[in-house]
Amino acid sequence: MKQEIETIQTDALAAIDAAGDEKSLDDARVAFLGKKGRLTVASAGMKDLSKEDKPVVGQLLNVARQAITSAIETKQTALADEADKKSVQGIDLTLPARSLPVGALHPITQVKDSAIQTLRRMGFALAEGPEIEDEFHCFDALNTPEDHPARNEKDTFYFDSGKLLRTHTSSVQIRTMEKATPPVRIIAPGSAYRRDEIDATHLSVFNQLEGLYVDTDVKLGDLKGTLEFFLRSMFGDDTEVRFRPHFFPFTEPSFEIDIKLHAKGQEPKWIEIAGCGMVDPAVFESLCETRGDDVFSPDKVTGFAFGMGIDRLAMIKWGIKDIRLLIENDVRFLKQFA
């Protein structure tokens, strides 16, 4: 049997060496190491050997198996190297490679990231909430009366279930305060949905960024300073900012914010960019009823909130006159911001 093992090893190594491709090499492996291979069959004869011969023959079988396996691996490597050489025959490897196009972030993403980074440096944390909302979080908790135009089906996307696509990310502020305790300082970037006629300045789906700060002694000056710093960080230190009195159901007093736009070849003009105000005490009172405590009692805390369209920030930053350009995915347009 010792002679048989040596013969099998010799024949196997010769067959492996003669293999000219992967298929013939695999045939050799099966012929010697497969379930019915010569070495496997020889191993089955171990049961008929004496106790004295079994250790010796067993060692010979292991040596033969290792030698054959090693030869197969070496041959596989050699065949792969040969195939690689054939694959590049006739190709000049010194030629320069074709340049690959380099992608870039969408202008809305660029503006959103910049806005988030600026507000994060000011201590605001990121918060998020569902885009499919209920009327309570989207309207009732924000002191929006039942006859408010925003609650009409002509302005808001409703489902048959009574739920709706959120019209603003202000609902994230309510959901955050339902679980958190003051101080709360968050920003909520995300999509909002309204039944607007699509034109140069309106889309039915847009990107919004809202912020909220609630603590024991938040003043209007804190709101003004925060937004002036933010807008000048976004558009330059010389940016002129003004606050105009306005009305929002969930803030009192409320303001709209304008910045003076300096477009090349045009006279400077004021353009609306955001809405803001001090959180209405009615919002805090409703929140206390929902929570069942007085942590957010208007006698204990004050706060401010603000909201702006990220799409509008991008339009102002780069002088884009038609908001539809931001969703048409025309590479000729988008590569300007790469």
C-alpha atoms as a PDB file:
ATOM      1  CA  MET A   1       0.000   0.000   0.000  1.00  0.00           C
ATOM      2  CA  LYS A   2       2.953   2.269   0.636  1.00  0.00           C
ATOM      3  CA  GLN A   3       4.027   1.774  -2.973  1.00  0.00           C
ATOM      4  CA  GLU A   4       0.466   2.492  -4.146  1.00  0.00           C
ATOM      5  CA  ILE A   5       0.367   5.812  -2.260  1.00  0.00           C
ATOM      6  CA  GLU A   6       3.686   6.894  -3.724  1.00  0.00           C
ATOM      7  CA  THR A   7       2.449   5.986  -7.220  1.00  0.00           C
ATOM      8  CA  ILE A   8      -0.780   7.963  -6.717  1.00  0.00           C
ATOM      9  CA  GLN A   9       1.193  11.004  -5.549  1.00  0.00           C
ATOM     10  CA  THR A  10       3.546  10.805  -8.528  1.00  0.00           C
ATOM     11  CA  ASP A  11       0.676  10.435 -11.024  1.00  0.00           C
ATOM     12  CA  ALA A  12      -1.247  13.279  -9.408  1.00  0.00           C
ATOM     13  CA  LEU A  13       1.650  15.712  -9.522  1.00  0.00           C
ATOM     14  CA  ALA A  14       2.267  14.826 -13.162  1.00  0.00           C
ATOM     15  CA  ALA A  15      -1.425  15.368 -14.053  1.00  0.00           C
ATOM     16  CA  ILE A  16      -1.481  18.707 -12.228  1.00  0.00           C
ATOM     17  CA  ASP A  17       1.677  19.863 -13.970  1.00  0.00           C
ATOM     18  CA  ALA A  18       0.245  18.900 -17.359  1.00  0.00           C
ATOM     19  CA  ALA A  19      -3.053  20.761 -16.784  1.00  0.00           C
ATOM     20  CA  GLY A  20      -3.323  23.607 -19.276  1.00  0.00           C
ATOM     21  CA  ASP A  21      -6.492  25.266 -18.012  1.00  0.00           C
ATOM     22  CA  GLU A  22      -8.841  25.479 -15.033  1.00  0.00           C
ATOM     23  CA  LYS A  23     -11.058  22.659 -16.286  1.00  0.00           C
ATOM     24  CA  SER A  24      -8.259  20.106 -16.724  1.00  0.00           C
ATOM     25  CA  LEU A  25      -6.858  21.120 -13.339  1.00  0.00           C
ATOM     26  CA  ASP A  26     -10.222  20.550 -11.699  1.00  0.00           C
ATOM     27  CA  ASP A  27     -10.511  17.181 -13.471  1.00  0.00           C
ATOM     28  CA  ALA A  28      -7.179  16.198 -11.948  1.00  0.00           C
ATOM     29  CA  ARG A  29      -8.350  17.284  -8.500  1.00  0.00           C
ATOM     30  CA  VAL A  30     -11.498  15.193  -8.752  1.00  0.00           C
ATOM     31  CA  ALA A  31      -9.567  12.177 -10.123  1.00  0.00           C
ATOM     32  CA  PHE A  32      -7.254  12.069  -7.104  1.00  0.00           C
ATOM     33  CA  LEU A  33      -8.985  13.912  -4.224  1.00  0.00           C
ATOM     34  CA  GLY A  34     -12.696  13.584  -5.097  1.00  0.00           C
ATOM     35  CA  LYS A  35     -15.121  11.256  -3.332  1.00  0.00           C
ATOM     36  CA  LYS A  36     -14.169   8.482  -5.731  1.00  0.00           C
ATOM     37  CA  GLY A  37     -10.632   9.728  -6.342  1.00  0.00           C
ATOM     38  CA  ARG A  38      -7.649   7.403  -6.239  1.00  0.00           C
ATOM     39  CA  LEU A  39      -6.244   8.775  -2.980  1.00  0.00           C
ATOM     40  CA  THR A  40      -9.683   8.719  -1.328  1.00  0.00           C
ATOM     41  CA  VAL A  41     -10.175   5.087  -2.350  1.00  0.00           C
ATOM     42  CA  ALA A  42      -6.722   4.213  -1.030  1.00  0.00           C
ATOM     43  CA  SER A  43      -7.571   5.911   2.288  1.00  0.00           C
ATOM     44  CA  ALA A  44     -10.574   3.616   2.644  1.00  0.00           C
ATOM     45  CA  GLY A  45      -8.188   0.649   2.794  1.00  0.00           C
ATOM     46  CA  MET A  46      -6.832   1.855   6.134  1.00  0.00           C
ATOM     47  CA  LYS A  47      -9.448  -0.295   7.910  1.00  0.00           C
ATOM     48  CA  ASP A  48      -7.826  -3.485   6.650  1.00  0.00           C
ATOM     49  CA  LEU A  49      -4.326  -2.661   7.965  1.00  0.00           C
ATOM     50  CA  SER A  50      -2.772  -3.886  11.159  1.00  0.00           C
ATOM     51  CA  LYS A  51      -2.378  -1.632  14.147  1.00  0.00           C
ATOM     52  CA  GLU A  52       1.363  -1.402  13.467  1.00  0.00           C
ATOM     53  CA  ASP A  53       0.938  -0.307   9.832  1.00  0.00           C
ATOM     54  CA  LYS A  54      -1.917   2.184  10.303  1.00  0.00           C
ATOM     55  CA  PRO A  55       0.220   5.065  11.749  1.00  0.00           C
ATOM     56  CA  VAL A  56       2.828   4.730   9.016  1.00  0.00           C
ATOM     57  CA  VAL A  57       0.343   4.499   6.156  1.00  0.00           C
ATOM     58  CA  GLY A  58      -1.787   7.269   7.659  1.00  0.00           C
ATOM     59  CA  GLN A  59       1.205   9.594   7.700  1.00  0.00           C
ATOM     60  CA  LEU A  60       1.991   8.735   4.056  1.00  0.00           C
ATOM     61  CA  LEU A  61      -1.608   9.499   3.082  1.00  0.00           C
ATOM     62  CA  ASN A  62      -1.460  12.912   4.805  1.00  0.00           C
ATOM     63  CA  VAL A  63       1.830  13.763   3.146  1.00  0.00           C
ATOM     64  CA  ALA A  64       0.462  12.774  -0.263  1.00  0.00           C
ATOM     65  CA  ARG A  65      -2.771  14.754   0.234  1.00  0.00           C
ATOM     66  CA  GLN A  66      -0.862  17.862   1.324  1.00  0.00           C
ATOM     67  CA  ALA A  67       1.538  17.580  -1.615  1.00  0.00           C
ATOM     68  CA  ILE A  68      -1.299  17.217  -4.128  1.00  0.00           C
ATOM     69  CA  THR A  69      -3.325  20.093  -2.565  1.00  0.00           C
ATOM     70  CA  SER A  70      -0.287  22.367  -2.540  1.00  0.00           C
ATOM     71  CA  ALA A  71       0.486  21.544  -6.176  1.00  0.00           C
ATOM     72  CA  ILE A  72      -3.107  22.345  -7.180  1.00  0.00           C
ATOM     73  CA  GLU A  73      -2.966  25.772  -5.443  1.00  0.00           C
ATOM     74  CA  THR A  74       0.365  26.571  -7.072  1.00  0.00           C
ATOM     75  CA  LYS A  75      -0.964  25.582 -10.488  1.00  0.00           C
ATOM     76  CA  GLN A  76      -4.122  27.686  -9.960  1.00  0.00           C
ATOM     77  CA  THR A  77      -1.996  30.739  -9.256  1.00  0.00           C
ATOM     78  CA  ALA A  78       0.141  30.069 -12.324  1.00  0.00           C
ATOM     79  CA  LEU A  79      -2.916  29.664 -14.568  1.00  0.00           C
ATOM     80  CA  ALA A  80      -4.451  32.891 -13.193  1.00  0.00           C
ATOM     81  CA  ASP A  81      -1.221  34.804 -13.830  1.00  0.00           C
ATOM     82  CA  GLU A  82      -1.084  33.451 -17.359  1.00  0.00           C
ATOM     83  CA  ALA A  83      -4.702  34.431 -17.980  1.00  0.00           C
ATOM     84  CA  ASP A  84      -3.994  37.952 -16.713  1.00  0.00           C
ATOM     85  CA  LYS A  85      -1.068  38.297 -19.101  1.00  0.00           C
ATOM     86  CA  LYS A  86      -3.183  37.141 -22.039  1.00  0.00           C
ATOM     87  CA  SER A  87      -5.973  39.581 -21.141  1.00  0.00           C
ATOM     88  CA  VAL A  88      -3.704  42.606 -21.630  1.00  0.00           C
ATOM     89  CA  GLN A  89      -1.896  41.424 -24.736  1.00  0.00           C
ATOM     90  CA  GLY A  90      -1.972  44.163 -27.344  1.00  0.00           C
ATOM     91  CA  ILE A  91      -2.822  46.836 -24.766  1.00  0.00           C
ATOM     92  CA  ASP A  92      -0.357  49.647 -24.126  1.00  0.00           C
ATOM     93  CA  LEU A  93      -0.332  49.856 -20.331  1.00  0.00           C
ATOM     94  CA  THR A  94       1.633  53.117 -20.488  1.00  0.00           C
ATOM     95  CA  LEU A  95      -1.294  54.981 -22.059  1.00  0.00           C
ATOM     96  CA  PRO A  96      -3.041  57.386 -19.661  1.00  0.00           C
ATOM     97  CA  ALA A  97      -6.336  56.126 -18.253  1.00  0.00           C
ATOM     98  CA  ARG A  98      -9.659  57.636 -19.280  1.00  0.00           C
ATOM     99  CA  SER A  99     -10.708  60.317 -16.856  1.00  0.00           C
ATOM    100  CA  LEU A 100     -13.802  59.437 -14.838  1.00  0.00           C
ATOM    101  CA  PRO A 101     -16.493  62.045 -14.167  1.00  0.00           C
ATOM    102  CA  VAL A 102     -16.450  63.372 -10.615  1.00  0.00           C
ATOM    103  CA  GLY A 103     -19.792  63.822  -8.906  1.00  0.00           C
ATOM    104  CA  ALA A 104     -20.782  66.615  -6.558  1.00  0.00           C
ATOM    105  CA  LEU A 105     -23.438  67.371  -3.971  1.00  0.00           C
ATOM    106  CA  HIS A 106     -26.719  68.849  -5.160  1.00  0.00           C
ATOM    107  CA  PRO A 107     -26.984  72.612  -4.431  1.00  0.00           C
ATOM    108  CA  ILE A 108     -29.855  71.986  -1.985  1.00  0.00           C
ATOM    109  CA  THR A 109     -27.718  69.452  -0.121  1.00  0.00           C
ATOM    110  CA  GLN A 110     -24.813  71.887  -0.033  1.00  0.00           C
ATOM    111  CA  VAL A 111     -26.970  74.637   1.471  1.00  0.00           C
ATOM    112  CA  LYS A 112     -28.658  72.273   3.923  1.00  0.00           C
ATOM    113  CA  ASP A 113     -25.317  70.916   5.154  1.00  0.00           C
ATOM    114  CA  SER A 114     -23.921  74.421   5.549  1.00  0.00           C
ATOM    115  CA  ALA A 115     -27.014  75.585   7.468  1.00  0.00           C
ATOM    116  CA  ILE A 116     -26.958  72.553   9.755  1.00  0.00           C
ATOM    117  CA  GLN A 117     -23.248  72.953  10.481  1.00  0.00           C
ATOM    118  CA  THR A 118     -23.707  76.625  11.359  1.00  0.00           C
ATOM    119  CA  LEU A 119     -26.624  75.960  13.719  1.00  0.00           C
ATOM    120  CA  ARG A 120     -24.929  72.929  15.279  1.00  0.00           C
ATOM    121  CA  ARG A 121     -21.998  75.179  16.189  1.00  0.00           C
ATOM    122  CA  MET A 122     -24.538  77.410  17.961  1.00  0.00           C
ATOM    123  CA  GLY A 123     -25.681  74.513  20.134  1.00  0.00           C
ATOM    124  CA  PHE A 124     -28.711  73.237  18.203  1.00  0.00           C
ATOM    125  CA  ALA A 125     -29.266  69.475  18.043  1.00  0.00           C
ATOM    126  CA  LEU A 126     -30.818  67.647  15.098  1.00  0.00           C
ATOM    127  CA  ALA A 127     -34.362  66.313  15.484  1.00  0.00           C
ATOM    128  CA  GLU A 128     -36.673  64.471  13.121  1.00  0.00           C
ATOM    129  CA  GLY A 129     -40.260  63.299  12.917  1.00  0.00           C
ATOM    130  CA  PRO A 130     -42.700  61.550  10.563  1.00  0.00           C
ATOM    131  CA  GLU A 131     -43.658  63.089   7.240  1.00  0.00           C
ATOM    132  CA  ILE A 132     -47.145  61.542   7.477  1.00  0.00           C
ATOM    133  CA  GLU A 133     -48.681  63.446  10.369  1.00  0.00           C
ATOM    134  CA  ASP A 134     -51.950  63.861  12.248  1.00  0.00           C
ATOM    135  CA  GLU A 135     -53.873  67.104  12.558  1.00  0.00           C
ATOM    136  CA  PHE A 136     -53.068  67.474  16.229  1.00  0.00           C
ATOM    137  CA  HIS A 137     -49.280  67.683  15.792  1.00  0.00           C
ATOM    138  CA  CYS A 138     -49.458  69.604  12.523  1.00  0.00           C
ATOM    139  CA  PHE A 139     -52.161  72.119  13.492  1.00  0.00           C
ATOM    140  CA  ASP A 140     -53.939  71.820  16.867  1.00  0.00           C
ATOM    141  CA  ALA A 141     -50.811  71.703  19.019  1.00  0.00           C
ATOM    142  CA  LEU A 142     -49.494  74.714  17.113  1.00  0.00           C
ATOM    143  CA  ASN A 143     -52.511  76.861  17.993  1.00  0.00           C
ATOM    144  CA  THR A 144     -53.876  76.741  14.438  1.00  0.00           C
ATOM    145  CA  PRO A 145     -57.677  77.299  14.447  1.00  0.00           C
ATOM    146  CA  GLU A 146     -60.005  74.906  12.648  1.00  0.00           C
ATOM    147  CA  ASP A 147     -60.965  77.526  10.044  1.00  0.00           C
ATOM    148  CA  HIS A 148     -57.356  78.353   9.139  1.00  0.00           C
ATOM    149  CA  PRO A 149     -56.751  78.140   5.337  1.00  0.00           C
ATOM    150  CA  ALA A 150     -53.825  75.753   5.822  1.00  0.00           C
ATOM    151  CA  ARG A 151     -56.245  73.097   7.122  1.00  0.00           C
ATOM    152  CA  ASN A 152     -58.310  73.194   3.946  1.00  0.00           C
ATOM    153  CA  GLU A 153     -58.018  70.319   1.475  1.00  0.00           C
ATOM    154  CA  LYS A 154     -57.148  72.890  -1.176  1.00  0.00           C
ATOM    155  CA  ASP A 155     -53.917  73.640   0.692  1.00  0.00           C
ATOM    156  CA  THR A 156     -52.987  70.342   2.364  1.00  0.00           C
ATOM    157  CA  PHE A 157     -52.610  66.742   1.173  1.00  0.00           C
ATOM    158  CA  TYR A 158     -55.009  64.595   3.244  1.00  0.00           C
ATOM    159  CA  PHE A 159     -55.362  60.816   3.316  1.00  0.00           C
ATOM    160  CA  ASP A 160     -58.694  59.000   3.609  1.00  0.00           C
ATOM    161  CA  SER A 161     -57.642  58.030   7.148  1.00  0.00           C
ATOM    162  CA  GLY A 162     -57.616  61.700   8.174  1.00  0.00           C
ATOM    163  CA  LYS A 163     -53.835  61.842   8.329  1.00  0.00           C
ATOM    164  CA  LEU A 164     -51.906  64.242   6.148  1.00  0.00           C
ATOM    165  CA  LEU A 165     -48.540  65.048   4.638  1.00  0.00           C
ATOM    166  CA  ARG A 166     -46.980  67.561   7.009  1.00  0.00           C
ATOM    167  CA  THR A 167     -47.155  71.136   5.779  1.00  0.00           C
ATOM    168  CA  HIS A 168     -44.117  72.168   7.813  1.00  0.00           C
ATOM    169  CA  THR A 169     -41.531  70.591  10.100  1.00  0.00           C
ATOM    170  CA  SER A 170     -42.953  72.513  13.065  1.00  0.00           C
ATOM    171  CA  SER A 171     -44.641  69.259  14.063  1.00  0.00           C
ATOM    172  CA  VAL A 172     -41.168  67.972  14.979  1.00  0.00           C
ATOM    173  CA  GLN A 173     -40.944  70.752  17.574  1.00  0.00           C
ATOM    174  CA  ILE A 174     -44.143  69.517  19.263  1.00  0.00           C
ATOM    175  CA  ARG A 175     -43.066  65.869  19.181  1.00  0.00           C
ATOM    176  CA  THR A 176     -39.710  66.795  20.681  1.00  0.00           C
ATOM    177  CA  MET A 177     -41.237  68.814  23.530  1.00  0.00           C
ATOM    178  CA  GLU A 178     -43.691  66.003  24.302  1.00  0.00           C
ATOM    179  CA  LYS A 179     -40.736  63.845  25.350  1.00  0.00           C
ATOM    180  CA  ALA A 180     -37.985  66.302  26.360  1.00  0.00           C
ATOM    181  CA  THR A 181     -37.613  68.762  29.228  1.00  0.00           C
ATOM    182  CA  PRO A 182     -36.180  72.270  29.031  1.00  0.00           C
ATOM    183  CA  PRO A 183     -33.764  73.467  27.886  1.00  0.00           C
ATOM    184  CA  VAL A 184     -34.648  72.381  24.341  1.00  0.00           C
ATOM    185  CA  ARG A 185     -32.581  73.627  21.429  1.00  0.00           C
ATOM    186  CA  ILE A 186     -33.263  71.789  18.173  1.00  0.00           C
ATOM    187  CA  ILE A 187     -33.347  72.170  14.401  1.00  0.00           C
ATOM    188  CA  ALA A 188     -35.602  70.054  12.188  1.00  0.00           C
ATOM    189  CA  PRO A 189     -34.607  69.873   8.514  1.00  0.00           C
ATOM    190  CA  GLY A 190     -36.865  67.860   6.218  1.00  0.00           C
ATOM    191  CA  SER A 191     -39.490  67.727   3.498  1.00  0.00           C
ATOM    192  CA  ALA A 192     -42.819  69.550   3.677  1.00  0.00           C
ATOM    193  CA  TYR A 193     -45.844  69.279   1.387  1.00  0.00           C
ATOM    194  CA  ARG A 194     -48.431  71.815   0.262  1.00  0.00           C
ATOM    195  CA  ARG A 195     -50.937  72.018  -2.574  1.00  0.00           C
ATOM    196  CA  ASP A 196     -49.184  74.960  -4.205  1.00  0.00           C
ATOM    197  CA  GLU A 197     -49.358  75.633  -7.907  1.00  0.00           C
ATOM    198  CA  ILE A 198     -45.936  74.819  -9.313  1.00  0.00           C
ATOM    199  CA  ASP A 199     -44.273  77.898 -10.747  1.00  0.00           C
ATOM    200  CA  ALA A 200     -40.940  79.713 -10.617  1.00  0.00           C
ATOM    201  CA  THR A 201     -41.113  80.171  -6.831  1.00  0.00           C
ATOM    202  CA  HIS A 202     -43.366  77.335  -5.600  1.00  0.00           C
ATOM    203  CA  LEU A 203     -43.297  73.538  -5.502  1.00  0.00           C
ATOM    204  CA  SER A 204     -45.720  71.076  -3.946  1.00  0.00           C
ATOM    205  CA  VAL A 205     -42.782  69.432  -2.160  1.00  0.00           C
ATOM    206  CA  PHE A 206     -40.019  71.563  -0.681  1.00  0.00           C
ATOM    207  CA  ASN A 207     -37.229  71.379   1.877  1.00  0.00           C
ATOM    208  CA  GLN A 208     -37.640  73.226   5.143  1.00  0.00           C
ATOM    209  CA  LEU A 209     -35.430  73.951   8.134  1.00  0.00           C
ATOM    210  CA  GLU A 210     -37.068  74.911  11.423  1.00  0.00           C
ATOM    211  CA  GLY A 211     -35.541  75.709  14.783  1.00  0.00           C
ATOM    212  CA  LEU A 212     -36.732  75.896  18.383  1.00  0.00           C
ATOM    213  CA  TYR A 213     -35.132  77.130  21.588  1.00  0.00           C
ATOM    214  CA  VAL A 214     -36.947  76.895  24.924  1.00  0.00           C
ATOM    215  CA  ASP A 215     -35.482  77.725  28.322  1.00  0.00           C
ATOM    216  CA  THR A 216     -36.260  79.689  31.456  1.00  0.00           C
ATOM    217  CA  ASP A 217     -35.253  83.112  30.140  1.00  0.00           C
ATOM    218  CA  VAL A 218     -35.282  83.220  26.324  1.00  0.00           C
ATOM    219  CA  LYS A 219     -35.814  86.725  24.974  1.00  0.00           C
ATOM    220  CA  LEU A 220     -36.596  88.293  21.624  1.00  0.00           C
ATOM    221  CA  GLY A 221     -33.014  89.577  21.506  1.00  0.00           C
ATOM    222  CA  ASP A 222     -31.801  85.960  21.551  1.00  0.00           C
ATOM    223  CA  LEU A 223     -33.931  85.204  18.497  1.00  0.00           C
ATOM    224  CA  LYS A 224     -32.726  88.279  16.644  1.00  0.00           C
ATOM    225  CA  GLY A 225     -29.064  87.640  17.430  1.00  0.00           C
ATOM    226  CA  THR A 226     -29.292  83.964  16.485  1.00  0.00           C
ATOM    227  CA  LEU A 227     -30.841  84.575  13.084  1.00  0.00           C
ATOM    228  CA  GLU A 228     -28.655  87.558  12.217  1.00  0.00           C
ATOM    229  CA  PHE A 229     -25.566  85.485  12.976  1.00  0.00           C
ATOM    230  CA  PHE A 230     -26.931  82.536  10.989  1.00  0.00           C
ATOM    231  CA  LEU A 231     -27.837  84.579   7.906  1.00  0.00           C
ATOM    232  CA  ARG A 232     -24.525  86.415   7.867  1.00  0.00           C
ATOM    233  CA  SER A 233     -22.711  83.099   8.171  1.00  0.00           C
ATOM    234  CA  MET A 234     -24.653  81.844   5.149  1.00  0.00           C
ATOM    235  CA  PHE A 235     -24.489  84.934   2.930  1.00  0.00           C
ATOM    236  CA  GLY A 236     -21.558  86.999   4.189  1.00  0.00           C
ATOM    237  CA  ASP A 237     -20.713  89.330   7.045  1.00  0.00           C
ATOM    238  CA  ASP A 238     -22.049  92.372   5.182  1.00  0.00           C
ATOM    239  CA  THR A 239     -25.544  90.907   4.726  1.00  0.00           C
ATOM    240  CA  GLU A 240     -28.274  93.355   5.736  1.00  0.00           C
ATOM    241  CA  VAL A 241     -31.104  91.769   7.736  1.00  0.00           C
ATOM    242  CA  ARG A 242     -34.445  93.242   8.790  1.00  0.00           C
ATOM    243  CA  PHE A 243     -37.389  91.959  10.841  1.00  0.00           C
ATOM    244  CA  ARG A 244     -40.981  92.881   9.892  1.00  0.00           C
ATOM    245  CA  PRO A 245     -44.004  92.305  12.179  1.00  0.00           C
ATOM    246  CA  HIS A 246     -46.206  89.471  10.935  1.00  0.00           C
ATOM    247  CA  PHE A 247     -48.707  86.893  12.187  1.00  0.00           C
ATOM    248  CA  PHE A 248     -48.235  83.171  12.754  1.00  0.00           C
ATOM    249  CA  PRO A 249     -50.672  81.159  14.915  1.00  0.00           C
ATOM    250  CA  PHE A 250     -47.905  79.561  16.971  1.00  0.00           C
ATOM    251  CA  THR A 251     -45.697  82.582  17.742  1.00  0.00           C
ATOM    252  CA  GLU A 252     -46.385  85.923  19.406  1.00  0.00           C
ATOM    253  CA  PRO A 253     -44.897  88.345  18.554  1.00  0.00           C
ATOM    254  CA  SER A 254     -44.132  87.086  15.042  1.00  0.00           C
ATOM    255  CA  PHE A 255     -41.827  88.405  12.340  1.00  0.00           C
ATOM    256  CA  GLU A 256     -40.875  87.848   8.759  1.00  0.00           C
ATOM    257  CA  ILE A 257     -37.181  88.227   7.979  1.00  0.00           C
ATOM    258  CA  ASP A 258     -35.773  89.876   4.861  1.00  0.00           C
ATOM    259  CA  ILE A 259     -32.234  90.174   3.603  1.00  0.00           C
ATOM    260  CA  LYS A 260     -31.055  92.710   1.056  1.00  0.00           C
ATOM    261  CA  LEU A 261     -30.136  90.922  -2.151  1.00  0.00           C
ATOM    262  CA  HIS A 262     -27.303  92.345  -4.236  1.00  0.00           C
ATOM    263  CA  ALA A 263     -27.608  90.704  -7.655  1.00  0.00           C
ATOM    264  CA  LYS A 264     -25.041  91.566 -10.307  1.00  0.00           C
ATOM    265  CA  GLY A 265     -26.380  94.169 -12.736  1.00  0.00           C
ATOM    266  CA  GLN A 266     -29.483  94.858 -10.626  1.00  0.00           C
ATOM    267  CA  GLU A 267     -30.487  97.325  -7.962  1.00  0.00           C
ATOM    268  CA  PRO A 268     -30.280  95.882  -4.399  1.00  0.00           C
ATOM    269  CA  LYS A 269     -33.686  94.744  -3.125  1.00  0.00           C
ATOM    270  CA  TRP A 270     -35.151  93.247   0.028  1.00  0.00           C
ATOM    271  CA  ILE A 271     -36.285  89.636  -0.258  1.00  0.00           C
ATOM    272  CA  GLU A 272     -38.211  87.545   2.264  1.00  0.00           C
ATOM    273  CA  ILE A 273     -36.240  84.584   3.571  1.00  0.00           C
ATOM    274  CA  ALA A 274     -37.753  83.259   6.824  1.00  0.00           C
ATOM    275  CA  GLY A 275     -40.457  83.517   9.467  1.00  0.00           C
ATOM    276  CA  CYS A 276     -39.934  83.542  13.217  1.00  0.00           C
ATOM    277  CA  GLY A 277     -41.249  84.647  16.583  1.00  0.00           C
ATOM    278  CA  MET A 278     -41.538  83.933  20.285  1.00  0.00           C
ATOM    279  CA  VAL A 279     -43.445  80.730  21.028  1.00  0.00           C
ATOM    280  CA  ASP A 280     -47.085  81.579  21.787  1.00  0.00           C
ATOM    281  CA  PRO A 281     -48.030  80.783  25.419  1.00  0.00           C
ATOM    282  CA  ALA A 282     -51.067  78.901  24.056  1.00  0.00           C
ATOM    283  CA  VAL A 283     -48.685  76.369  22.502  1.00  0.00           C
ATOM    284  CA  PHE A 284     -47.027  75.778  25.881  1.00  0.00           C
ATOM    285  CA  GLU A 285     -50.409  75.475  27.612  1.00  0.00           C
ATOM    286  CA  SER A 286     -51.595  72.862  25.090  1.00  0.00           C
ATOM    287  CA  LEU A 287     -48.324  70.995  25.526  1.00  0.00           C
ATOM    288  CA  CYS A 288     -48.748  70.889  29.306  1.00  0.00           C
ATOM    289  CA  GLU A 289     -52.229  69.363  28.856  1.00  0.00           C
ATOM    290  CA  THR A 290     -50.805  66.705  26.556  1.00  0.00           C
ATOM    291  CA  ARG A 291     -47.897  65.901  28.885  1.00  0.00           C
ATOM    292  CA  GLY A 292     -49.958  66.082  32.072  1.00  0.00           C
ATOM    293  CA  ASP A 293     -47.426  68.279  33.862  1.00  0.00           C
ATOM    294  CA  ASP A 294     -46.344  71.932  33.991  1.00  0.00           C
ATOM    295  CA  VAL A 295     -42.731  71.554  32.829  1.00  0.00           C
ATOM    296  CA  PHE A 296     -43.456  73.767  29.821  1.00  0.00           C
ATOM    297  CA  SER A 297     -45.767  76.157  31.660  1.00  0.00           C
ATOM    298  CA  PRO A 298     -45.583  79.655  30.102  1.00  0.00           C
ATOM    299  CA  ASP A 299     -45.033  80.895  33.653  1.00  0.00           C
ATOM    300  CA  LYS A 300     -41.783  78.916  33.761  1.00  0.00           C
ATOM    301  CA  VAL A 301     -40.334  78.963  30.248  1.00  0.00           C
ATOM    302  CA  THR A 302     -40.146  81.086  27.131  1.00  0.00           C
ATOM    303  CA  GLY A 303     -38.832  80.241  23.702  1.00  0.00           C
ATOM    304  CA  PHE A 304     -38.428  81.209  20.096  1.00  0.00           C
ATOM    305  CA  ALA A 305     -39.015  79.365  16.828  1.00  0.00           C
ATOM    306  CA  PHE A 306     -38.037  80.018  13.230  1.00  0.00           C
ATOM    307  CA  GLY A 307     -38.500  78.382   9.847  1.00  0.00           C
ATOM    308  CA  MET A 308     -37.138  78.824   6.348  1.00  0.00           C
ATOM    309  CA  GLY A 309     -37.095  77.056   2.990  1.00  0.00           C
ATOM    310  CA  ILE A 310     -33.777  75.455   2.121  1.00  0.00           C
ATOM    311  CA  ASP A 311     -34.669  75.685  -1.580  1.00  0.00           C
ATOM    312  CA  ARG A 312     -35.126  79.444  -1.154  1.00  0.00           C
ATOM    313  CA  LEU A 313     -31.767  79.743   0.592  1.00  0.00           C
ATOM    314  CA  ALA A 314     -30.146  78.053  -2.409  1.00  0.00           C
ATOM    315  CA  MET A 315     -31.965  80.343  -4.852  1.00  0.00           C
ATOM    316  CA  ILE A 316     -30.781  83.431  -2.993  1.00  0.00           C
ATOM    317  CA  LYS A 317     -27.244  82.149  -2.515  1.00  0.00           C
ATOM    318  CA  TRP A 318     -26.676  81.505  -6.220  1.00  0.00           C
ATOM    319  CA  GLY A 319     -29.197  83.840  -7.826  1.00  0.00           C
ATOM    320  CA  ILE A 320     -31.390  81.015  -9.176  1.00  0.00           C
ATOM    321  CA  LYS A 321     -34.571  82.561 -10.581  1.00  0.00           C
ATOM    322  CA  ASP A 322     -36.656  79.410 -11.103  1.00  0.00           C
ATOM    323  CA  ILE A 323     -37.053  76.865  -8.292  1.00  0.00           C
ATOM    324  CA  ARG A 324     -37.993  74.167 -10.806  1.00  0.00           C
ATOM    325  CA  LEU A 325     -34.378  74.042 -11.961  1.00  0.00           C
ATOM    326  CA  LEU A 326     -33.526  72.444  -8.618  1.00  0.00           C
ATOM    327  CA  ILE A 327     -35.669  69.367  -9.292  1.00  0.00           C
ATOM    328  CA  GLU A 328     -35.256  68.837 -13.037  1.00  0.00           C
ATOM    329  CA  ASN A 329     -31.848  67.132 -12.641  1.00  0.00           C
ATOM    330  CA  ASP A 330     -30.375  68.784 -15.721  1.00  0.00           C
ATOM    331  CA  VAL A 331     -26.660  68.038 -15.428  1.00  0.00           C
ATOM    332  CA  ARG A 332     -25.824  71.141 -17.445  1.00  0.00           C
ATOM    333  CA  PHE A 333     -27.409  73.227 -14.707  1.00  0.00           C
ATOM    334  CA  LEU A 334     -26.210  71.237 -11.691  1.00  0.00           C
ATOM    335  CA  LYS A 335     -22.548  71.065 -12.733  1.00  0.00           C
ATOM    336  CA  GLN A 336     -22.282  74.825 -12.137  1.00  0.00           C
ATOM    337  CA  PHE A 337     -22.353  74.060  -8.395  1.00  0.00           C
ATOM    338  CA  ALA A 338     -19.843  71.203  -8.457  1.00  0.00           C
END
